[in-house]
Amino acid sequence: MSDAARKTIEMKKRTKQFALRVIRLVRELPKGDEARIIGQQLLRSGTSVGANYRALCRARSDREFVSKAGVVVEEADESAFWMELIVEAELMSSKRVSLLLQECNEILAIIAAAYNTARRPLK
């Protein structure tokens, strides 16, 4: 198995684990309208990261790869926003959210780097 294939498999696992961790975090949010609405937004964007990464892996062209990578970047960035909002609105402690937010930012950095590299020749 090539190094690229191994990295792809690892990132698929990592983004799926991220989605599962998002689900668990949303389950722990307090009851109330604010937490429910923000939790739904986080649930959508956080689970979308893994789903769209899998779609990126099946891209049929460079343009499709760049497009899907852009979606993953957007969804990961949105997920980070909702987690920051959860902490800043005092719906959950930063201690509870920090490791998941760190993972989100790491995934975002990896995919953003791939996105920026892949789109250079397409300009």
Protein backbone atom coordinates (compact mmCIF):
# COMPACT_ATOMS: atom_id res chain seq x y z
CA MET A 1 0.00 0.00 0.00
CA SER A 2 1.34 3.41 -0.92
CA ASP A 3 1.98 6.15 1.61
CA ALA A 4 -0.76 8.28 0.00
CA ALA A 5 -3.29 5.44 0.30
CA ARG A 6 -2.34 4.92 3.94
CA LYS A 7 -2.79 8.64 4.66
CA THR A 8 -6.18 8.62 2.94
CA ILE A 9 -7.36 5.69 5.04
CA GLU A 10 -6.07 7.36 8.19
CA MET A 11 -7.85 10.63 7.37
CA LYS A 12 -11.10 8.77 6.64
CA LYS A 13 -10.87 7.20 10.10
CA ARG A 14 -9.91 10.50 11.69
CA THR A 15 -12.81 12.43 10.15
CA LYS A 16 -15.27 9.68 11.12
CA GLN A 17 -13.98 9.73 14.69
CA PHE A 18 -14.33 13.51 14.65
CA ALA A 19 -17.99 13.13 13.62
CA LEU A 20 -18.61 10.62 16.41
CA ARG A 21 -17.00 12.93 18.96
CA VAL A 22 -19.18 15.81 17.72
CA ILE A 23 -22.27 13.63 18.19
CA ARG A 24 -21.23 12.84 21.76
CA LEU A 25 -20.53 16.49 22.55
CA VAL A 26 -23.91 17.59 21.19
CA ARG A 27 -25.62 14.95 23.35
CA GLU A 28 -23.99 16.53 26.42
CA LEU A 29 -25.21 20.07 25.72
CA PRO A 30 -27.67 21.47 28.25
CA LYS A 31 -31.36 21.53 27.45
CA GLY A 32 -32.65 24.81 26.08
CA ASP A 33 -33.30 26.57 22.80
CA GLU A 34 -29.84 28.09 22.37
CA ALA A 35 -28.01 24.83 23.00
CA ARG A 36 -30.42 22.86 20.81
CA ILE A 37 -30.08 25.21 17.84
CA ILE A 38 -26.31 25.57 18.09
CA GLY A 39 -26.01 21.83 18.68
CA GLN A 40 -27.96 21.09 15.50
CA GLN A 41 -25.69 23.40 13.52
CA LEU A 42 -22.58 21.74 14.96
CA LEU A 43 -24.03 18.30 14.31
CA ARG A 44 -24.65 19.15 10.65
CA SER A 45 -21.26 20.71 9.99
CA GLY A 46 -19.25 18.28 12.14
CA THR A 47 -20.66 15.15 10.53
CA SER A 48 -20.39 16.76 7.10
CA VAL A 49 -16.59 16.96 7.44
CA GLY A 50 -16.20 13.18 7.25
CA ALA A 51 -18.89 12.65 4.64
CA ASN A 52 -17.43 15.26 2.34
CA TYR A 53 -13.89 14.01 2.90
CA ARG A 54 -15.03 10.61 1.64
CA ALA A 55 -16.54 12.33 -1.41
CA LEU A 56 -13.24 14.16 -1.94
CA CYS A 57 -11.47 10.78 -2.01
CA ARG A 58 -13.74 9.71 -4.89
CA ALA A 59 -13.24 12.87 -6.96
CA ARG A 60 -13.22 12.14 -10.68
CA SER A 61 -11.13 15.16 -11.66
CA ASP A 62 -8.80 17.76 -10.21
CA ARG A 63 -11.59 20.34 -10.32
CA GLU A 64 -13.94 18.05 -8.44
CA PHE A 65 -11.21 17.36 -5.86
CA VAL A 66 -10.69 21.09 -5.32
CA SER A 67 -14.43 21.66 -5.05
CA LYS A 68 -14.92 18.89 -2.49
CA ALA A 69 -11.84 19.96 -0.53
CA GLY A 70 -13.29 23.47 -0.39
CA VAL A 71 -16.49 22.07 1.10
CA VAL A 72 -14.54 20.13 3.75
CA VAL A 73 -12.62 23.30 4.65
CA GLU A 74 -15.86 25.27 4.97
CA GLU A 75 -17.56 22.62 7.10
CA ALA A 76 -14.55 22.21 9.41
CA ASP A 77 -14.27 25.98 9.82
CA GLU A 78 -17.98 26.19 10.57
CA SER A 79 -17.64 23.39 13.13
CA ALA A 80 -14.85 25.32 14.86
CA PHE A 81 -17.10 28.39 14.94
CA TRP A 82 -19.96 26.52 16.63
CA MET A 83 -17.61 24.99 19.21
CA GLU A 84 -16.12 28.40 19.98
CA LEU A 85 -19.65 29.76 20.34
CA ILE A 86 -20.62 26.94 22.73
CA VAL A 87 -17.73 27.89 24.99
CA GLU A 88 -18.16 31.67 24.71
CA ALA A 89 -21.92 31.40 25.37
CA GLU A 90 -21.03 29.32 28.44
CA LEU A 91 -23.08 26.34 27.29
CA MET A 92 -20.13 24.04 28.01
CA SER A 93 -16.69 24.47 29.55
CA SER A 94 -13.67 25.11 27.36
CA LYS A 95 -12.05 22.12 29.07
CA ARG A 96 -14.76 19.84 27.64
CA VAL A 97 -14.58 21.32 24.13
CA SER A 98 -10.86 22.11 23.75
CA LEU A 99 -9.57 18.72 22.53
CA LEU A 100 -12.33 18.39 19.96
CA LEU A 101 -11.77 21.95 18.79
CA GLN A 102 -8.04 21.22 18.51
CA GLU A 103 -8.78 18.15 16.38
CA CYS A 104 -11.11 20.23 14.23
CA ASN A 105 -8.41 22.84 13.66
CA GLU A 106 -5.85 20.15 12.79
CA ILE A 107 -8.19 18.56 10.24
CA LEU A 108 -8.92 22.03 8.87
CA ALA A 109 -5.20 22.79 8.48
CA ILE A 110 -4.50 19.48 6.71
CA ILE A 111 -7.36 19.81 4.23
CA ALA A 112 -6.78 23.53 3.69
CA ALA A 113 -3.15 22.79 2.78
CA ALA A 114 -4.25 20.10 0.30
CA TYR A 115 -6.90 22.45 -1.10
CA ASN A 116 -4.42 25.30 -1.58
CA THR A 117 -1.87 23.00 -3.21
CA ALA A 118 -4.43 21.37 -5.53
CA ARG A 119 -6.00 24.61 -6.72
CA ARG A 120 -2.77 26.37 -7.69
CA PRO A 121 -2.51 24.85 -11.16
CA LEU A 122 -6.25 25.33 -11.75
CA LYS A 123 -6.14 29.12 -11.52
